[in-house]
Amino acid sequence: MAAATAAGAAAAAAAISLFAYYLLLRKSGSKLPWTLTTRANGRRTRRKGLMQAIGNTPLIRINSLSDATGCEILGKAEFLNPGGSVKDRVAVKIIEEALESGVLVCGGVVTEGSAGSTAISLATVALAYGCRCHVVIPDDAAVEKSQIIEALGATVERVRPVSITHKDHFVNIARRRALEANVASTQSETNKMQTNGSAHVTVEMLHPKQTNGSEYANTEVPHNGKLCPDSGSKGGFFADQFENLANYRAHYEWTGPEIWEQTKGTLHAFVAAAGTGGTIAGVSRYLKEKNRNVRCFLMDPPGSGLFNKVTRGVMYTKEEAEGKRLKNPFDTVTEGIGINRVTANFMMAELDGAYRGTDREAVEMSRFLLKKDGLFVGSSSAMNCVGAVRVARDLGPGHTIVTILCDSGMRHLSKFFNDEYLANHGLKPNAIALEFLDQ
């Protein structure tokens, strides 16, 4: 009886402790790991497994840059996501929306044209959703990126870099691969119909406006039970990270709110580079809606036309006019940022201005952060930090500036962190402090 009484008392104490813990979390505003999360549009979703580990990345003080400028320069440590970059959020959002709408089914193949990070994230996340992944990547991207994607089980197709207007641009090839997967799925179902005499297949070509500008086929298969990844071809879905507004929504509904909550709404500015434009668009629009006084800036790398678009309203200067420009003008060692067209995602951005950076500044900044802060970041993260210092200097001491640490240096070893490669391009780092930003 005494043992039973003791056990009952222990159980009661545990229950009281658990309830007190629950009340403490509710009072502090913390989210319980098993609770539903609410999206900005009011919809509620429950993420399980790997997806639970994506997001809620720490916002860290970059001590060296903060001390040098008199501002609080904070970096959103997106390299701590499971797939190693900010693109994990985009991959989740794109696949979730595609599955919800029915244009992607379990067992289907997700195709994408990517310089690396989005491809890695899609390859990682697709598996968790029971899908496959086919990636088309330019062959001048760091080789370790395609090695990582292949190790994740995705199909990698490396192609030569060409203009986006060329039919063999890596994005356009990825779009075709989705179409081909849909054709294969249709043929597979047709064969089943001929064999069994009972299957029924319809193929619907979606209008571009229904797919955020993407042209791909949607194969409708009658639902005869749970679709399984092992049951044959289930069609293809083109992720279309540049034009698919799920990219923007991932950051408007997810990254932006995190930054606002982590800074308790006290930030003065946000700065980031743009590739697809999703991050800067989603975060800037959310922050502006919370406080119109938060200033948002673009940081643009060499070869990109977005700086001109933001500051002058046109993509090109007179010197860069059509007929005088190279078809592939990018002569930068930074990967995944910079573009010479305005994407649907970038059009959603609300910006107060823009800055330009150089390859040397990005290289020197990456080594400075490693030496001073122990931060081993990639080329886009380094360029973002260059932008953060520029903003801090313009605003003056006492301001809080947030930027994105997109990924780590681990996927930039063969180029951006290769001394021989940099020396061949006249970019071998030699700065002692931040003097490279004064040149």
Protein backbone atom coordinates (compact mmCIF):
# COMPACT_ATOMS: atom_id res chain seq x y z
CA MET A 1 0.00 0.00 0.00
CA ALA A 2 2.86 2.33 0.88
CA ALA A 3 4.49 1.55 -2.46
CA ALA A 4 1.24 2.26 -4.28
CA THR A 5 0.81 5.52 -2.40
CA ALA A 6 4.38 6.55 -3.22
CA ALA A 7 3.86 5.71 -6.89
CA GLY A 8 0.63 7.72 -6.95
CA ALA A 9 2.34 10.67 -5.33
CA ALA A 10 5.17 10.49 -7.85
CA ALA A 11 2.72 10.38 -10.74
CA ALA A 12 0.82 13.34 -9.33
CA ALA A 13 4.05 15.28 -8.89
CA ALA A 14 5.08 14.50 -12.47
CA ALA A 15 1.69 15.62 -13.76
CA ILE A 16 1.92 18.86 -11.80
CA SER A 17 5.46 19.45 -13.10
CA LEU A 18 4.39 18.82 -16.68
CA PHE A 19 1.42 21.17 -16.32
CA ALA A 20 3.66 23.85 -14.78
CA TYR A 21 6.08 23.43 -17.69
CA TYR A 22 3.18 23.80 -20.10
CA LEU A 23 2.02 27.00 -18.38
CA LEU A 24 5.56 28.38 -18.40
CA LEU A 25 5.90 27.80 -22.12
CA ARG A 26 2.48 29.31 -22.81
CA LYS A 27 3.37 32.38 -20.75
CA SER A 28 6.71 32.83 -22.50
CA GLY A 29 5.14 32.44 -25.94
CA SER A 30 7.20 29.36 -26.78
CA LYS A 31 5.71 26.70 -29.03
CA LEU A 32 5.36 23.17 -27.82
CA PRO A 33 6.99 20.66 -30.18
CA TRP A 34 3.77 18.74 -30.69
CA THR A 35 1.50 21.72 -31.33
CA LEU A 36 0.25 22.86 -34.70
CA THR A 37 1.95 25.85 -36.27
CA THR A 38 -0.14 28.63 -37.79
CA ARG A 39 0.72 30.07 -41.18
CA ALA A 40 0.42 33.77 -41.96
CA ASN A 41 -2.69 33.05 -44.03
CA GLY A 42 -4.39 31.44 -41.06
CA ARG A 43 -3.99 27.88 -42.27
CA ARG A 44 -2.53 25.40 -39.83
CA THR A 45 -0.10 22.65 -40.66
CA ARG A 46 1.73 19.93 -38.76
CA ARG A 47 5.23 19.09 -39.93
CA LYS A 48 6.73 15.81 -38.84
CA GLY A 49 10.06 14.05 -39.05
CA LEU A 50 12.86 15.83 -40.89
CA MET A 51 10.68 18.86 -41.60
CA GLN A 52 10.44 19.60 -37.86
CA ALA A 53 14.17 20.35 -37.88
CA ILE A 54 13.89 22.97 -40.63
CA GLY A 55 13.58 26.60 -39.61
CA ASN A 56 13.77 28.23 -36.17
CA THR A 57 17.46 28.80 -36.85
CA PRO A 58 19.33 31.01 -34.38
CA LEU A 59 19.91 34.70 -35.03
CA ILE A 60 23.51 35.19 -33.96
CA ARG A 61 25.49 38.33 -33.24
CA ILE A 62 28.44 38.66 -35.59
CA ASN A 63 30.83 40.04 -33.00
CA SER A 64 33.61 41.28 -35.26
CA LEU A 65 31.32 43.26 -37.56
CA SER A 66 29.20 44.58 -34.70
CA ASP A 67 32.23 45.79 -32.76
CA ALA A 68 33.75 47.38 -35.87
CA THR A 69 30.63 49.35 -36.79
CA GLY A 70 29.02 50.12 -33.45
CA CYS A 71 25.84 48.42 -34.65
CA GLU A 72 24.30 45.10 -33.78
CA ILE A 73 24.86 43.01 -36.92
CA LEU A 74 22.93 39.76 -36.67
CA GLY A 75 23.11 36.77 -38.99
CA LYS A 76 20.27 34.26 -39.45
CA ALA A 77 22.21 30.98 -39.28
CA GLU A 78 20.43 29.16 -42.11
CA PHE A 79 23.42 26.87 -42.62
CA LEU A 80 22.14 24.97 -39.56
CA ASN A 81 19.12 23.61 -41.45
CA PRO A 82 19.27 19.82 -42.16
CA GLY A 83 20.05 20.40 -45.85
CA GLY A 84 22.64 23.01 -44.94
CA SER A 85 21.02 26.14 -46.36
CA VAL A 86 18.14 28.62 -46.40
CA LYS A 87 16.72 26.73 -49.37
CA ASP A 88 15.40 23.96 -47.10
CA ARG A 89 12.47 26.26 -46.32
CA VAL A 90 11.76 26.76 -50.01
CA ALA A 91 11.97 23.05 -50.77
CA VAL A 92 9.45 22.24 -48.03
CA LYS A 93 7.02 24.94 -49.13
CA ILE A 94 7.20 24.08 -52.84
CA ILE A 95 6.68 20.35 -52.27
CA GLU A 96 3.96 20.86 -49.65
CA GLU A 97 1.95 23.13 -51.93
CA ALA A 98 2.43 20.81 -54.90
CA LEU A 99 1.22 17.80 -52.92
CA GLU A 100 -1.74 19.75 -51.54
CA SER A 101 -2.81 20.89 -55.02
CA GLY A 102 -2.32 17.43 -56.53
CA VAL A 103 0.21 18.42 -59.21
CA LEU A 104 2.70 16.19 -57.37
CA VAL A 105 1.95 12.78 -55.88
CA CYS A 106 3.91 10.40 -53.68
CA GLY A 107 6.36 8.61 -55.96
CA GLY A 108 6.51 11.47 -58.44
CA VAL A 109 9.73 13.12 -59.52
CA VAL A 110 10.54 16.74 -58.62
CA THR A 111 12.72 18.44 -61.24
CA GLU A 112 14.63 21.67 -60.84
CA GLY A 113 17.35 23.74 -62.46
CA SER A 114 19.67 25.01 -59.75
CA ALA A 115 23.21 26.20 -59.12
CA GLY A 116 23.34 23.97 -56.07
CA SER A 117 21.68 24.86 -52.78
CA THR A 118 18.05 24.51 -53.87
CA ALA A 119 18.92 21.26 -55.58
CA ILE A 120 20.48 19.88 -52.40
CA SER A 121 17.46 20.93 -50.34
CA LEU A 122 14.97 19.46 -52.81
CA ALA A 123 16.92 16.21 -52.96
CA THR A 124 16.86 16.05 -49.16
CA VAL A 125 13.23 17.01 -48.62
CA ALA A 126 11.77 15.07 -51.56
CA LEU A 127 12.84 11.80 -49.96
CA ALA A 128 11.01 12.68 -46.76
CA TYR A 129 7.83 13.20 -48.78
CA GLY A 130 8.25 9.92 -50.67
CA CYS A 131 9.25 11.57 -53.95
CA ARG A 132 12.25 11.43 -56.23
CA CYS A 133 14.38 14.28 -57.52
CA HIS A 134 16.05 15.13 -60.85
CA VAL A 135 18.37 18.14 -60.87
CA VAL A 136 19.89 20.02 -63.79
CA ILE A 137 22.93 22.02 -62.71
CA PRO A 138 25.40 24.23 -64.65
CA ASP A 139 28.75 22.50 -65.00
CA ASP A 140 30.67 25.54 -63.71
CA ALA A 141 29.13 25.17 -60.25
CA ALA A 142 31.37 23.76 -57.51
CA VAL A 143 31.70 20.03 -58.17
CA GLU A 144 31.03 19.09 -54.54
CA LYS A 145 27.46 20.34 -54.92
CA SER A 146 26.61 17.75 -57.58
CA GLN A 147 28.45 15.12 -55.52
CA ILE A 148 26.24 15.89 -52.51
CA ILE A 149 23.09 15.75 -54.65
CA GLU A 150 24.09 12.38 -56.10
CA ALA A 151 24.91 11.06 -52.62
CA LEU A 152 21.35 12.01 -51.62
CA GLY A 153 20.05 9.70 -54.33
CA ALA A 154 18.92 12.32 -56.83
CA THR A 155 19.68 12.23 -60.55
CA VAL A 156 22.15 14.97 -61.52
CA GLU A 157 22.42 16.36 -65.05
CA ARG A 158 25.32 18.79 -65.55
CA VAL A 159 25.04 21.13 -68.55
CA ARG A 160 26.99 24.04 -70.00
CA PRO A 161 25.93 27.54 -68.88
CA VAL A 162 23.88 29.45 -71.46
CA SER A 163 21.42 32.35 -71.46
CA ILE A 164 18.00 31.80 -69.93
CA THR A 165 16.55 32.45 -73.38
CA HIS A 166 18.35 29.37 -74.73
CA LYS A 167 16.34 26.16 -74.82
CA ASP A 168 19.21 24.33 -73.13
CA HIS A 169 19.54 26.64 -70.14
CA PHE A 170 19.55 24.42 -67.06
CA VAL A 171 16.16 25.76 -65.92
CA ASN A 172 14.55 25.10 -69.30
CA ILE A 173 15.96 21.58 -69.40
CA ALA A 174 14.55 20.89 -65.94
CA ARG A 175 11.12 22.03 -67.15
CA ARG A 176 11.35 19.58 -70.06
CA ARG A 177 12.35 16.73 -67.74
CA ALA A 178 9.09 17.21 -65.82
CA LEU A 179 7.14 17.06 -69.07
CA GLU A 180 8.99 13.89 -70.06
CA ALA A 181 8.20 12.30 -66.70
CA ASN A 182 4.52 13.06 -67.23
CA VAL A 183 4.62 11.52 -70.70
CA ALA A 184 6.27 8.40 -69.26
CA SER A 185 3.60 8.21 -66.58
CA THR A 186 0.86 8.46 -69.18
CA GLN A 187 2.42 5.74 -71.28
CA SER A 188 2.75 3.52 -68.23
CA GLU A 189 -0.92 3.93 -67.37
CA THR A 190 -1.90 3.35 -71.00
CA ASN A 191 0.01 0.07 -70.97
CA LYS A 192 -1.81 -0.95 -67.81
CA MET A 193 -5.13 -0.11 -69.46
CA GLN A 194 -4.27 -2.26 -72.45
CA THR A 195 -3.21 -5.09 -70.14
CA ASN A 196 -6.00 -4.93 -67.57
CA GLY A 197 -8.73 -3.25 -69.55
CA SER A 198 -9.79 -1.30 -66.48
CA ALA A 199 -7.49 1.64 -65.97
CA HIS A 200 -8.48 5.14 -67.00
CA VAL A 201 -6.02 7.96 -67.61
CA THR A 202 -6.49 11.60 -68.49
CA VAL A 203 -3.70 14.08 -69.14
CA GLU A 204 -4.36 17.75 -68.51
CA MET A 205 -1.99 20.41 -69.84
CA LEU A 206 -2.16 23.25 -67.35
CA HIS A 207 -2.24 26.85 -68.50
CA PRO A 208 0.98 28.74 -67.57
CA LYS A 209 -1.01 31.12 -65.35
CA GLN A 210 -2.11 28.15 -63.28
CA THR A 211 1.47 27.12 -62.60
CA ASN A 212 3.23 30.42 -61.85
CA GLY A 213 4.58 30.54 -65.39
CA SER A 214 5.65 26.91 -65.53
CA GLU A 215 4.53 24.73 -68.40
CA TYR A 216 4.25 21.15 -67.28
CA ALA A 217 1.83 18.28 -67.60
CA ASN A 218 -0.36 17.00 -64.80
CA THR A 219 -1.27 13.33 -65.03
CA GLU A 220 -4.55 12.47 -63.34
CA VAL A 221 -4.72 8.83 -62.23
CA PRO A 222 -7.87 7.35 -60.63
CA HIS A 223 -7.32 6.83 -56.90
CA ASN A 224 -7.42 3.08 -56.23
CA GLY A 225 -5.67 3.07 -52.89
CA LYS A 226 -2.51 4.56 -51.43
CA LEU A 227 -0.02 5.71 -54.02
CA CYS A 228 3.35 4.12 -53.40
CA PRO A 229 6.81 5.29 -54.60
CA ASP A 230 7.52 1.73 -55.74
CA SER A 231 4.46 1.38 -57.98
CA GLY A 232 6.04 2.84 -61.12
CA SER A 233 6.19 6.26 -62.68
CA LYS A 234 3.98 8.86 -61.00
CA GLY A 235 4.74 11.80 -63.26
CA GLY A 236 6.87 14.88 -62.86
CA PHE A 237 6.61 18.28 -61.23
CA PHE A 238 8.81 21.27 -62.13
CA ALA A 239 9.63 23.09 -58.89
CA ASP A 240 10.34 26.36 -60.74
CA GLN A 241 12.00 28.12 -57.81
CA PHE A 242 12.48 31.36 -59.78
CA GLU A 243 8.81 31.90 -60.66
CA ASN A 244 6.93 29.71 -58.18
CA LEU A 245 5.60 32.05 -55.48
CA ALA A 246 5.75 29.24 -52.92
CA ASN A 247 9.37 30.41 -52.67
CA TYR A 248 8.30 33.91 -51.60
CA ARG A 249 5.62 32.51 -49.30
CA ALA A 250 8.15 30.31 -47.48
CA HIS A 251 9.95 33.43 -46.31
CA TYR A 252 6.90 35.64 -45.83
CA GLU A 253 5.18 33.03 -43.66
CA TRP A 254 8.25 31.55 -42.01
CA THR A 255 11.63 33.34 -42.14
CA GLY A 256 10.29 36.88 -41.79
CA PRO A 257 8.18 36.12 -38.71
CA GLU A 258 11.14 34.35 -37.08
CA ILE A 259 13.37 37.39 -37.58
CA TRP A 260 10.69 39.71 -36.19
CA GLU A 261 10.16 37.53 -33.13
CA GLN A 262 13.88 36.97 -32.49
CA THR A 263 14.64 40.70 -32.59
CA LYS A 264 11.42 41.50 -30.69
CA GLY A 265 10.66 43.91 -33.51
CA THR A 266 13.64 46.14 -32.71
CA LEU A 267 15.60 45.75 -35.95
CA HIS A 268 16.25 48.80 -38.11
CA ALA A 269 17.34 47.17 -41.38
CA PHE A 270 17.52 43.96 -43.36
CA VAL A 271 19.93 43.30 -46.22
CA ALA A 272 20.46 40.29 -48.48
CA ALA A 273 21.47 39.31 -51.99
CA ALA A 274 18.97 37.80 -54.43
CA GLY A 275 19.10 34.82 -56.74
CA THR A 276 15.52 33.74 -57.23
CA GLY A 277 14.45 36.71 -55.12
CA GLY A 278 12.29 34.66 -52.76
CA THR A 279 14.20 35.35 -49.54
CA ILE A 280 14.53 39.10 -49.91
CA ALA A 281 10.96 39.40 -51.16
CA GLY A 282 9.31 37.36 -48.42
CA VAL A 283 11.34 38.81 -45.56
CA SER A 284 11.21 42.43 -46.74
CA ARG A 285 7.46 42.39 -47.33
CA TYR A 286 6.75 40.81 -43.94
CA LEU A 287 9.00 43.23 -42.06
CA LYS A 288 7.54 46.22 -43.87
CA GLU A 289 4.04 45.12 -42.94
CA LYS A 290 5.08 44.92 -39.30
CA ASN A 291 6.91 48.26 -39.33
CA ARG A 292 7.21 50.55 -42.37
CA ASN A 293 10.32 52.12 -40.82
CA VAL A 294 12.37 48.92 -41.17
CA ARG A 295 14.65 49.58 -44.12
CA CYS A 296 15.33 46.73 -46.55
CA PHE A 297 18.23 46.61 -49.00
CA LEU A 298 19.50 44.43 -51.83
CA MET A 299 23.15 43.38 -51.99
CA ASP A 300 24.10 42.59 -55.59
CA PRO A 301 27.18 40.70 -56.87
CA PRO A 302 29.17 41.37 -60.08
CA GLY A 303 27.35 40.72 -63.35
CA SER A 304 23.86 41.05 -61.90
CA GLY A 305 21.42 43.68 -63.14
CA LEU A 306 19.23 43.90 -60.04
CA PHE A 307 21.20 46.80 -58.55
CA ASN A 308 20.31 48.91 -61.58
CA LYS A 309 16.70 47.76 -61.44
CA VAL A 310 16.32 48.82 -57.80
CA THR A 311 18.26 52.10 -58.00
CA ARG A 312 17.40 53.26 -61.55
CA GLY A 313 14.29 51.38 -62.51
CA VAL A 314 15.98 49.71 -65.48
CA MET A 315 17.90 46.45 -65.64
CA TYR A 316 20.85 47.73 -67.69
CA THR A 317 22.97 50.85 -67.96
CA LYS A 318 23.75 52.39 -71.37
CA GLU A 319 27.05 50.50 -71.36
CA GLU A 320 25.16 47.26 -70.80
CA ALA A 321 22.53 47.87 -73.47
CA GLU A 322 21.29 44.99 -75.58
CA GLY A 323 23.79 44.16 -78.32
CA LYS A 324 26.75 45.25 -76.21
CA ARG A 325 26.43 42.65 -73.49
CA LEU A 326 27.69 39.10 -73.39
CA LYS A 327 25.02 36.42 -73.35
CA ASN A 328 26.48 35.05 -70.13
CA PRO A 329 27.98 38.11 -68.37
CA PHE A 330 28.53 36.58 -64.94
CA ASP A 331 32.21 36.72 -64.11
CA THR A 332 31.81 36.17 -60.39
CA VAL A 333 33.00 33.51 -57.94
CA THR A 334 29.84 33.88 -55.87
CA GLU A 335 27.27 31.19 -56.58
CA GLY A 336 23.49 31.21 -56.27
CA ILE A 337 23.02 35.00 -56.25
CA GLY A 338 22.71 37.61 -58.96
CA ILE A 339 20.48 37.52 -62.01
CA ASN A 340 19.70 39.54 -65.13
CA ARG A 341 15.94 39.26 -65.15
CA VAL A 342 13.15 40.17 -62.75
CA THR A 343 11.50 37.03 -61.41
CA ALA A 344 7.95 36.74 -60.09
CA ASN A 345 9.45 36.26 -56.63
CA PHE A 346 11.68 39.34 -56.79
CA MET A 347 8.73 41.46 -57.90
CA MET A 348 7.21 40.88 -54.45
CA ALA A 349 10.13 42.60 -52.68
CA GLU A 350 9.76 45.96 -50.95
CA LEU A 351 13.17 47.62 -51.01
CA ASP A 352 14.56 50.96 -49.94
CA GLY A 353 17.78 50.72 -51.92
CA ALA A 354 20.63 48.52 -53.09
CA TYR A 355 24.36 48.05 -52.76
CA ARG A 356 26.93 46.46 -55.02
CA GLY A 357 29.71 44.15 -53.90
CA THR A 358 32.80 42.70 -55.55
CA ASP A 359 34.29 39.24 -55.62
CA ARG A 360 37.30 40.44 -53.65
CA GLU A 361 35.09 41.85 -50.91
CA ALA A 362 33.21 38.54 -50.66
CA VAL A 363 36.42 36.49 -50.52
CA GLU A 364 38.08 38.76 -47.96
CA MET A 365 34.93 38.89 -45.83
CA SER A 366 34.68 35.09 -45.72
CA ARG A 367 38.26 34.81 -44.41
CA PHE A 368 37.73 37.67 -41.96
CA LEU A 369 34.64 36.01 -40.49
CA LEU A 370 36.43 32.68 -40.20
CA LYS A 371 39.44 34.21 -38.47
CA LYS A 372 37.56 36.57 -36.16
CA ASP A 373 34.29 34.76 -35.44
CA GLY A 374 34.88 31.14 -36.40
CA LEU A 375 32.13 31.46 -39.00
CA PHE A 376 32.81 29.23 -42.01
CA VAL A 377 30.30 30.58 -44.53
CA GLY A 378 29.78 30.38 -48.28
CA SER A 379 30.08 33.06 -50.94
CA SER A 380 26.52 34.40 -50.74
CA SER A 381 26.71 34.63 -46.94
CA ALA A 382 29.97 36.57 -47.21
CA MET A 383 28.45 38.95 -49.75
CA ASN A 384 25.47 39.49 -47.43
CA CYS A 385 27.85 40.41 -44.61
CA VAL A 386 29.58 42.93 -46.87
CA GLY A 387 26.15 44.44 -47.38
CA ALA A 388 25.45 44.46 -43.64
CA VAL A 389 28.60 46.50 -42.98
CA ARG A 390 27.69 48.94 -45.76
CA VAL A 391 24.22 49.45 -44.26
CA ALA A 392 25.68 49.83 -40.76
CA ARG A 393 28.12 52.50 -41.93
CA ASP A 394 25.38 54.42 -43.73
CA LEU A 395 22.91 54.27 -40.82
CA GLY A 396 25.53 54.93 -38.17
CA PRO A 397 26.18 53.34 -34.74
CA GLY A 398 23.36 52.12 -32.55
CA HIS A 399 21.29 50.35 -35.20
CA THR A 400 20.37 46.68 -35.53
CA ILE A 401 20.92 45.10 -38.95
CA VAL A 402 19.91 41.57 -39.90
CA THR A 403 21.22 39.51 -42.79
CA ILE A 404 21.13 35.88 -43.94
CA LEU A 405 23.96 33.37 -43.50
CA CYS A 406 22.70 31.24 -46.38
CA ASP A 407 25.03 28.25 -46.23
CA SER A 408 28.42 27.12 -44.95
CA GLY A 409 31.72 26.96 -46.78
CA MET A 410 31.54 23.15 -46.96
CA ARG A 411 29.98 23.22 -50.42
CA HIS A 412 32.41 25.83 -51.74
CA LEU A 413 35.72 24.02 -51.24
CA SER A 414 36.72 23.56 -54.88
CA LYS A 415 36.30 27.23 -55.84
CA PHE A 416 35.54 29.89 -53.24
CA PHE A 417 37.77 28.27 -50.60
CA ASN A 418 40.41 26.99 -53.02
CA ASP A 419 43.54 29.17 -52.80
CA GLU A 420 44.84 28.02 -56.18
CA TYR A 421 41.55 28.77 -57.90
CA LEU A 422 41.39 32.22 -56.31
CA ALA A 423 45.03 32.98 -57.14
CA ASN A 424 44.33 32.16 -60.79
CA HIS A 425 41.57 34.76 -60.73
CA GLY A 426 43.65 37.36 -58.88
CA LEU A 427 41.55 36.98 -55.74
CA LYS A 428 43.92 35.49 -53.20
CA PRO A 429 42.94 37.03 -49.83
CA ASN A 430 45.50 39.19 -48.03
CA ALA A 431 43.52 41.64 -45.89
CA ILE A 432 44.27 42.01 -42.19
CA ALA A 433 41.08 43.73 -41.08
CA LEU A 434 38.16 45.33 -42.95
CA GLU A 435 40.34 47.61 -45.04
CA PHE A 436 39.13 45.82 -48.19
CA LEU A 437 35.78 47.58 -47.78
CA ASP A 438 37.44 51.01 -48.02
CA GLN A 439 39.00 50.45 -51.45
